[in-house]
Amino acid sequence: PEATRAAIAAAPDATIPEGMNILQALSDEVRS
C-alpha cells in the first residue's frame, strides 16, 4: 500500500483502471 500510494503520487494524472493493481497499471502504461 505504501509503494502504491507513492506510485500514484508520482503520476497523479494517470488513472488506474478498476480491478488493476499498481504493478499491472505500470505494465499497461508503458505498453501504451
PDB file of all heavy atoms in Angstrom:
ATOM      1  N   PRO A   1       0.811  -1.226   0.000  1.00  0.00           N
ATOM      2  CA  PRO A   1       0.000   0.000   0.000  1.00  0.00           C
ATOM      3  C   PRO A   1       0.843   1.276   0.000  1.00  0.00           C
ATOM      4  O   PRO A   1       0.498   2.244  -0.679  1.00  0.00           O
ATOM      5  CB  PRO A   1      -0.822  -0.123   1.289  1.00  0.00           C
ATOM      6  CG  PRO A   1      -0.938  -1.588   1.516  1.00  0.00           C
ATOM      7  CD  PRO A   1       0.375  -2.156   1.066  1.00  0.00           C
ATOM      8  N   GLU A   2       1.975   1.261   0.714  1.00  0.00           N
ATOM      9  CA  GLU A   2       2.852   2.434   0.720  1.00  0.00           C
ATOM     10  C   GLU A   2       3.473   2.658  -0.656  1.00  0.00           C
ATOM     11  O   GLU A   2       3.540   3.795  -1.147  1.00  0.00           O
ATOM     12  CB  GLU A   2       3.938   2.266   1.778  1.00  0.00           C
ATOM     13  CG  GLU A   2       3.427   2.407   3.210  1.00  0.00           C
ATOM     14  CD  GLU A   2       4.496   2.105   4.239  1.00  0.00           C
ATOM     15  OE1 GLU A   2       5.652   1.807   3.839  1.00  0.00           O
ATOM     16  OE2 GLU A   2       4.188   2.161   5.444  1.00  0.00           O
ATOM     17  N   ALA A   3       3.930   1.590  -1.289  1.00  0.00           N
ATOM     18  CA  ALA A   3       4.500   1.719  -2.633  1.00  0.00           C
ATOM     19  C   ALA A   3       3.444   2.180  -3.623  1.00  0.00           C
ATOM     20  O   ALA A   3       3.721   2.982  -4.523  1.00  0.00           O
ATOM     21  CB  ALA A   3       5.092   0.371  -3.073  1.00  0.00           C
ATOM     22  N   THR A   4       2.225   1.685  -3.462  1.00  0.00           N
ATOM     23  CA  THR A   4       1.126   2.090  -4.338  1.00  0.00           C
ATOM     24  C   THR A   4       0.826   3.568  -4.184  1.00  0.00           C
ATOM     25  O   THR A   4       0.663   4.284  -5.187  1.00  0.00           O
ATOM     26  CB  THR A   4      -0.135   1.257  -4.023  1.00  0.00           C
ATOM     27  OG1 THR A   4       0.144  -0.125  -4.270  1.00  0.00           O
ATOM     28  CG2 THR A   4      -1.310   1.690  -4.897  1.00  0.00           C
ATOM     29  N   ARG A   5       0.754   4.046  -2.945  1.00  0.00           N
ATOM     30  CA  ARG A   5       0.486   5.468  -2.717  1.00  0.00           C
ATOM     31  C   ARG A   5       1.586   6.334  -3.323  1.00  0.00           C
ATOM     32  O   ARG A   5       1.310   7.377  -3.934  1.00  0.00           O
ATOM     33  CB  ARG A   5       0.350   5.743  -1.221  1.00  0.00           C
ATOM     34  CG  ARG A   5      -0.959   5.225  -0.613  1.00  0.00           C
ATOM     35  CD  ARG A   5      -1.178   5.774   0.777  1.00  0.00           C
ATOM     36  NE  ARG A   5      -0.229   5.246   1.740  1.00  0.00           N
ATOM     37  CZ  ARG A   5      -0.413   4.132   2.445  1.00  0.00           C
ATOM     38  NH1 ARG A   5      -1.511   3.414   2.283  1.00  0.00           N
ATOM     39  NH2 ARG A   5       0.504   3.717   3.317  1.00  0.00           N
ATOM     40  N   ALA A   6       2.840   5.896  -3.166  1.00  0.00           N
ATOM     41  CA  ALA A   6       3.952   6.662  -3.734  1.00  0.00           C
ATOM     42  C   ALA A   6       3.886   6.691  -5.258  1.00  0.00           C
ATOM     43  O   ALA A   6       4.154   7.726  -5.885  1.00  0.00           O
ATOM     44  CB  ALA A   6       5.274   6.061  -3.273  1.00  0.00           C
ATOM     45  N   ALA A   7       3.526   5.563  -5.858  1.00  0.00           N
ATOM     46  CA  ALA A   7       3.434   5.499  -7.318  1.00  0.00           C
ATOM     47  C   ALA A   7       2.268   6.320  -7.848  1.00  0.00           C
ATOM     48  O   ALA A   7       2.366   6.935  -8.915  1.00  0.00           O
ATOM     49  CB  ALA A   7       3.305   4.049  -7.763  1.00  0.00           C
ATOM     50  N   ILE A   8       1.170   6.348  -7.118  1.00  0.00           N
ATOM     51  CA  ILE A   8       0.028   7.186  -7.524  1.00  0.00           C
ATOM     52  C   ILE A   8       0.402   8.654  -7.431  1.00  0.00           C
ATOM     53  O   ILE A   8       0.111   9.456  -8.338  1.00  0.00           O
ATOM     54  CB  ILE A   8      -1.202   6.865  -6.656  1.00  0.00           C
ATOM     55  CG1 ILE A   8      -1.735   5.467  -6.993  1.00  0.00           C
ATOM     56  CG2 ILE A   8      -2.300   7.909  -6.849  1.00  0.00           C
ATOM     57  CD1 ILE A   8      -2.835   4.980  -6.074  1.00  0.00           C
ATOM     58  N   ALA A   9       1.087   9.042  -6.362  1.00  0.00           N
ATOM     59  CA  ALA A   9       1.500  10.436  -6.192  1.00  0.00           C
ATOM     60  C   ALA A   9       2.507  10.862  -7.252  1.00  0.00           C
ATOM     61  O   ALA A   9       2.558  12.028  -7.645  1.00  0.00           O
ATOM     62  CB  ALA A   9       2.097  10.625  -4.800  1.00  0.00           C
ATOM     63  N   ALA A  10       3.304   9.898  -7.741  1.00  0.00           N
ATOM     64  CA  ALA A  10       4.321  10.221  -8.749  1.00  0.00           C
ATOM     65  C   ALA A  10       3.713  10.527 -10.110  1.00  0.00           C
ATOM     66  O   ALA A  10       4.336  11.211 -10.933  1.00  0.00           O
ATOM     67  CB  ALA A  10       5.296   9.052  -8.872  1.00  0.00           C
ATOM     68  N   ALA A  11       2.515  10.023 -10.375  1.00  0.00           N
ATOM     69  CA  ALA A  11       1.823  10.260 -11.654  1.00  0.00           C
ATOM     70  C   ALA A  11       0.346  10.471 -11.361  1.00  0.00           C
ATOM     71  O   ALA A  11      -0.490   9.626 -11.719  1.00  0.00           O
ATOM     72  CB  ALA A  11       2.045   9.096 -12.608  1.00  0.00           C
ATOM     73  N   PRO A  12      -0.009  11.583 -10.714  1.00  0.00           N
ATOM     74  CA  PRO A  12      -1.387  11.767 -10.230  1.00  0.00           C
ATOM     75  C   PRO A  12      -2.436  11.862 -11.329  1.00  0.00           C
ATOM     76  O   PRO A  12      -3.620  11.627 -11.070  1.00  0.00           O
ATOM     77  CB  PRO A  12      -1.302  13.074  -9.428  1.00  0.00           C
ATOM     78  CG  PRO A  12      -0.102  13.785  -9.982  1.00  0.00           C
ATOM     79  CD  PRO A  12       0.862  12.713 -10.365  1.00  0.00           C
ATOM     80  N   ASP A  13      -2.021  12.202 -12.538  1.00  0.00           N
ATOM     81  CA  ASP A  13      -2.995  12.335 -13.627  1.00  0.00           C
ATOM     82  C   ASP A  13      -3.250  11.026 -14.369  1.00  0.00           C
ATOM     83  O   ASP A  13      -4.115  10.960 -15.236  1.00  0.00           O
ATOM     84  CB  ASP A  13      -2.522  13.403 -14.625  1.00  0.00           C
ATOM     85  CG  ASP A  13      -2.469  14.787 -14.003  1.00  0.00           C
ATOM     86  OD1 ASP A  13      -3.266  15.054 -13.085  1.00  0.00           O
ATOM     87  OD2 ASP A  13      -1.623  15.599 -14.424  1.00  0.00           O
ATOM     88  N   ALA A  14      -2.478   9.993 -14.037  1.00  0.00           N
ATOM     89  CA  ALA A  14      -2.645   8.693 -14.691  1.00  0.00           C
ATOM     90  C   ALA A  14      -3.650   7.864 -13.896  1.00  0.00           C
ATOM     91  O   ALA A  14      -3.445   7.601 -12.711  1.00  0.00           O
ATOM     92  CB  ALA A  14      -1.304   7.966 -14.783  1.00  0.00           C
ATOM     93  N   THR A  15      -4.718   7.458 -14.543  1.00  0.00           N
ATOM     94  CA  THR A  15      -5.788   6.725 -13.880  1.00  0.00           C
ATOM     95  C   THR A  15      -5.503   5.231 -13.882  1.00  0.00           C
ATOM     96  O   THR A  15      -5.123   4.660 -14.905  1.00  0.00           O
ATOM     97  CB  THR A  15      -7.130   6.982 -14.576  1.00  0.00           C
ATOM     98  OG1 THR A  15      -7.388   8.387 -14.582  1.00  0.00           O
ATOM     99  CG2 THR A  15      -8.266   6.263 -13.866  1.00  0.00           C
ATOM    100  N   ILE A  16      -5.714   4.601 -12.745  1.00  0.00           N
ATOM    101  CA  ILE A  16      -5.572   3.146 -12.647  1.00  0.00           C
ATOM    102  C   ILE A  16      -6.948   2.528 -12.871  1.00  0.00           C
ATOM    103  O   ILE A  16      -7.879   2.787 -12.105  1.00  0.00           O
ATOM    104  CB  ILE A  16      -5.029   2.733 -11.272  1.00  0.00           C
ATOM    105  CG1 ILE A  16      -3.657   3.360 -11.038  1.00  0.00           C
ATOM    106  CG2 ILE A  16      -4.939   1.202 -11.174  1.00  0.00           C
ATOM    107  CD1 ILE A  16      -3.100   3.096  -9.665  1.00  0.00           C
ATOM    108  N   PRO A  17      -7.110   1.735 -13.922  1.00  0.00           N
ATOM    109  CA  PRO A  17      -8.421   1.124 -14.192  1.00  0.00           C
ATOM    110  C   PRO A  17      -8.901   0.266 -13.032  1.00  0.00           C
ATOM    111  O   PRO A  17      -8.102  -0.329 -12.307  1.00  0.00           O
ATOM    112  CB  PRO A  17      -8.177   0.281 -15.449  1.00  0.00           C
ATOM    113  CG  PRO A  17      -6.991   0.918 -16.106  1.00  0.00           C
ATOM    114  CD  PRO A  17      -6.131   1.404 -14.966  1.00  0.00           C
ATOM    115  N   GLU A  18     -10.194   0.206 -12.868  1.00  0.00           N
ATOM    116  CA  GLU A  18     -10.793  -0.575 -11.798  1.00  0.00           C
ATOM    117  C   GLU A  18     -10.385  -2.050 -11.917  1.00  0.00           C
ATOM    118  O   GLU A  18     -10.383  -2.618 -13.006  1.00  0.00           O
ATOM    119  CB  GLU A  18     -12.311  -0.462 -11.847  1.00  0.00           C
ATOM    120  CG  GLU A  18     -13.021  -1.157 -10.701  1.00  0.00           C
ATOM    121  CD  GLU A  18     -14.523  -0.950 -10.731  1.00  0.00           C
ATOM    122  OE1 GLU A  18     -15.001  -0.196 -11.619  1.00  0.00           O
ATOM    123  OE2 GLU A  18     -15.213  -1.545  -9.892  1.00  0.00           O
ATOM    124  N   GLY A  19     -10.028  -2.644 -10.803  1.00  0.00           N
ATOM    125  CA  GLY A  19      -9.664  -4.051 -10.774  1.00  0.00           C
ATOM    126  C   GLY A  19      -8.196  -4.327 -11.007  1.00  0.00           C
ATOM    127  O   GLY A  19      -7.765  -5.473 -10.897  1.00  0.00           O
ATOM    128  N   MET A  20      -7.396  -3.287 -11.321  1.00  0.00           N
ATOM    129  CA  MET A  20      -5.973  -3.473 -11.578  1.00  0.00           C
ATOM    130  C   MET A  20      -5.153  -2.977 -10.403  1.00  0.00           C
ATOM    131  O   MET A  20      -5.504  -1.999  -9.751  1.00  0.00           O
ATOM    132  CB  MET A  20      -5.556  -2.730 -12.860  1.00  0.00           C
ATOM    133  CG  MET A  20      -6.049  -3.386 -14.126  1.00  0.00           C
ATOM    134  SD  MET A  20      -5.755  -2.394 -15.628  1.00  0.00           S
ATOM    135  CE  MET A  20      -3.984  -2.217 -15.603  1.00  0.00           C
ATOM    136  N   ASN A  21      -4.030  -3.658 -10.130  1.00  0.00           N
ATOM    137  CA  ASN A  21      -3.116  -3.177  -9.101  1.00  0.00           C
ATOM    138  C   ASN A  21      -2.041  -2.293  -9.733  1.00  0.00           C
ATOM    139  O   ASN A  21      -1.969  -2.152 -10.958  1.00  0.00           O
ATOM    140  CB  ASN A  21      -2.518  -4.345  -8.307  1.00  0.00           C
ATOM    141  CG  ASN A  21      -1.641  -5.261  -9.153  1.00  0.00           C
ATOM    142  OD1 ASN A  21      -0.739  -4.822  -9.863  1.00  0.00           O
ATOM    143  ND2 ASN A  21      -1.910  -6.566  -9.086  1.00  0.00           N
ATOM    144  N   ILE A  22      -1.207  -1.704  -8.910  1.00  0.00           N
ATOM    145  CA  ILE A  22      -0.266  -0.700  -9.389  1.00  0.00           C
ATOM    146  C   ILE A  22       0.787  -1.292 -10.328  1.00  0.00           C
ATOM    147  O   ILE A  22       1.231  -0.635 -11.279  1.00  0.00           O
ATOM    148  CB  ILE A  22       0.399   0.038  -8.204  1.00  0.00           C
ATOM    149  CG1 ILE A  22       1.136   1.286  -8.676  1.00  0.00           C
ATOM    150  CG2 ILE A  22       1.316  -0.901  -7.428  1.00  0.00           C
ATOM    151  CD1 ILE A  22       0.249   2.352  -9.268  1.00  0.00           C
ATOM    152  N   LEU A  23       1.209  -2.542 -10.097  1.00  0.00           N
ATOM    153  CA  LEU A  23       2.195  -3.158 -10.978  1.00  0.00           C
ATOM    154  C   LEU A  23       1.596  -3.472 -12.345  1.00  0.00           C
ATOM    155  O   LEU A  23       2.255  -3.303 -13.381  1.00  0.00           O
ATOM    156  CB  LEU A  23       2.753  -4.428 -10.333  1.00  0.00           C
ATOM    157  CG  LEU A  23       3.627  -4.202  -9.098  1.00  0.00           C
ATOM    158  CD1 LEU A  23       3.872  -5.520  -8.377  1.00  0.00           C
ATOM    159  CD2 LEU A  23       4.944  -3.547  -9.469  1.00  0.00           C
ATOM    160  N   GLN A  24       0.353  -3.908 -12.352  1.00  0.00           N
ATOM    161  CA  GLN A  24      -0.339  -4.125 -13.620  1.00  0.00           C
ATOM    162  C   GLN A  24      -0.510  -2.801 -14.364  1.00  0.00           C
ATOM    163  O   GLN A  24      -0.334  -2.737 -15.589  1.00  0.00           O
ATOM    164  CB  GLN A  24      -1.701  -4.757 -13.373  1.00  0.00           C
ATOM    165  CG  GLN A  24      -1.660  -6.165 -12.834  1.00  0.00           C
ATOM    166  CD  GLN A  24      -3.032  -6.653 -12.429  1.00  0.00           C
ATOM    167  OE1 GLN A  24      -3.875  -5.896 -11.959  1.00  0.00           O
ATOM    168  NE2 GLN A  24      -3.278  -7.951 -12.602  1.00  0.00           N
ATOM    169  N   ALA A  25      -0.850  -1.755 -13.631  1.00  0.00           N
ATOM    170  CA  ALA A  25      -1.026  -0.440 -14.254  1.00  0.00           C
ATOM    171  C   ALA A  25       0.271   0.037 -14.900  1.00  0.00           C
ATOM    172  O   ALA A  25       0.269   0.596 -15.999  1.00  0.00           O
ATOM    173  CB  ALA A  25      -1.509   0.577 -13.222  1.00  0.00           C
ATOM    174  N   LEU A  26       1.399  -0.207 -14.224  1.00  0.00           N
ATOM    175  CA  LEU A  26       2.695   0.173 -14.783  1.00  0.00           C
ATOM    176  C   LEU A  26       2.942  -0.532 -16.110  1.00  0.00           C
ATOM    177  O   LEU A  26       3.363   0.086 -17.102  1.00  0.00           O
ATOM    178  CB  LEU A  26       3.809  -0.156 -13.790  1.00  0.00           C
ATOM    179  CG  LEU A  26       5.231   0.138 -14.249  1.00  0.00           C
ATOM    180  CD1 LEU A  26       5.458   1.644 -14.346  1.00  0.00           C
ATOM    181  CD2 LEU A  26       6.246  -0.487 -13.285  1.00  0.00           C
ATOM    182  N   SER A  27       2.681  -1.839 -16.156  1.00  0.00           N
ATOM    183  CA  SER A  27       2.860  -2.588 -17.394  1.00  0.00           C
ATOM    184  C   SER A  27       1.959  -2.066 -18.504  1.00  0.00           C
ATOM    185  O   SER A  27       2.379  -1.917 -19.656  1.00  0.00           O
ATOM    186  CB  SER A  27       2.566  -4.086 -17.155  1.00  0.00           C
ATOM    187  OG  SER A  27       3.529  -4.663 -16.312  1.00  0.00           O
ATOM    188  N   ASP A  28       0.719  -1.778 -18.152  1.00  0.00           N
ATOM    189  CA  ASP A  28      -0.251  -1.278 -19.127  1.00  0.00           C
ATOM    190  C   ASP A  28       0.150   0.097 -19.642  1.00  0.00           C
ATOM    191  O   ASP A  28       0.030   0.390 -20.837  1.00  0.00           O
ATOM    192  CB  ASP A  28      -1.634  -1.232 -18.482  1.00  0.00           C
ATOM    193  CG  ASP A  28      -2.752  -1.093 -19.502  1.00  0.00           C
ATOM    194  OD1 ASP A  28      -2.814  -1.919 -20.431  1.00  0.00           O
ATOM    195  OD2 ASP A  28      -3.567  -0.165 -19.370  1.00  0.00           O
ATOM    196  N   GLU A  29       0.648   0.947 -18.755  1.00  0.00           N
ATOM    197  CA  GLU A  29       1.019   2.310 -19.139  1.00  0.00           C
ATOM    198  C   GLU A  29       2.237   2.335 -20.050  1.00  0.00           C
ATOM    199  O   GLU A  29       2.271   3.087 -21.030  1.00  0.00           O
ATOM    200  CB  GLU A  29       1.261   3.138 -17.874  1.00  0.00           C
ATOM    201  CG  GLU A  29      -0.021   3.482 -17.134  1.00  0.00           C
ATOM    202  CD  GLU A  29       0.179   3.873 -15.687  1.00  0.00           C
ATOM    203  OE1 GLU A  29       1.346   3.898 -15.221  1.00  0.00           O
ATOM    204  OE2 GLU A  29      -0.830   4.147 -15.004  1.00  0.00           O
ATOM    205  N   VAL A  30       3.235   1.511 -19.751  1.00  0.00           N
ATOM    206  CA  VAL A  30       4.423   1.525 -20.606  1.00  0.00           C
ATOM    207  C   VAL A  30       4.100   0.936 -21.972  1.00  0.00           C
ATOM    208  O   VAL A  30       4.619   1.386 -23.007  1.00  0.00           O
ATOM    209  CB  VAL A  30       5.606   0.796 -19.938  1.00  0.00           C
ATOM    210  CG1 VAL A  30       5.420  -0.713 -19.921  1.00  0.00           C
ATOM    211  CG2 VAL A  30       6.920   1.142 -20.624  1.00  0.00           C
ATOM    212  N   ARG A  31       3.207  -0.044 -22.011  1.00  0.00           N
ATOM    213  CA  ARG A  31       2.829  -0.646 -23.282  1.00  0.00           C
ATOM    214  C   ARG A  31       2.089   0.348 -24.177  1.00  0.00           C
ATOM    215  O   ARG A  31       2.169   0.271 -25.411  1.00  0.00           O
ATOM    216  CB  ARG A  31       1.967  -1.882 -23.037  1.00  0.00           C
ATOM    217  CG  ARG A  31       1.651  -2.678 -24.306  1.00  0.00           C
ATOM    218  CD  ARG A  31       0.778  -3.883 -24.026  1.00  0.00           C
ATOM    219  NE  ARG A  31       1.472  -4.889 -23.240  1.00  0.00           N
ATOM    220  CZ  ARG A  31       1.267  -5.127 -21.950  1.00  0.00           C
ATOM    221  NH1 ARG A  31       0.343  -4.439 -21.293  1.00  0.00           N
ATOM    222  NH2 ARG A  31       1.941  -6.051 -21.312  1.00  0.00           N
ATOM    223  N   SER A  32       1.372   1.282 -23.577  1.00  0.00           N
ATOM    224  CA  SER A  32       0.549   2.209 -24.349  1.00  0.00           C
ATOM    225  C   SER A  32       1.272   3.496 -24.743  1.00  0.00           C
ATOM    226  O   SER A  32       0.659   4.388 -25.337  1.00  0.00           O
ATOM    227  CB  SER A  32      -0.709   2.570 -23.545  1.00  0.00           C
ATOM    228  OG  SER A  32      -0.382   3.361 -22.411  1.00  0.00           O
TER     229      SER A  32
END
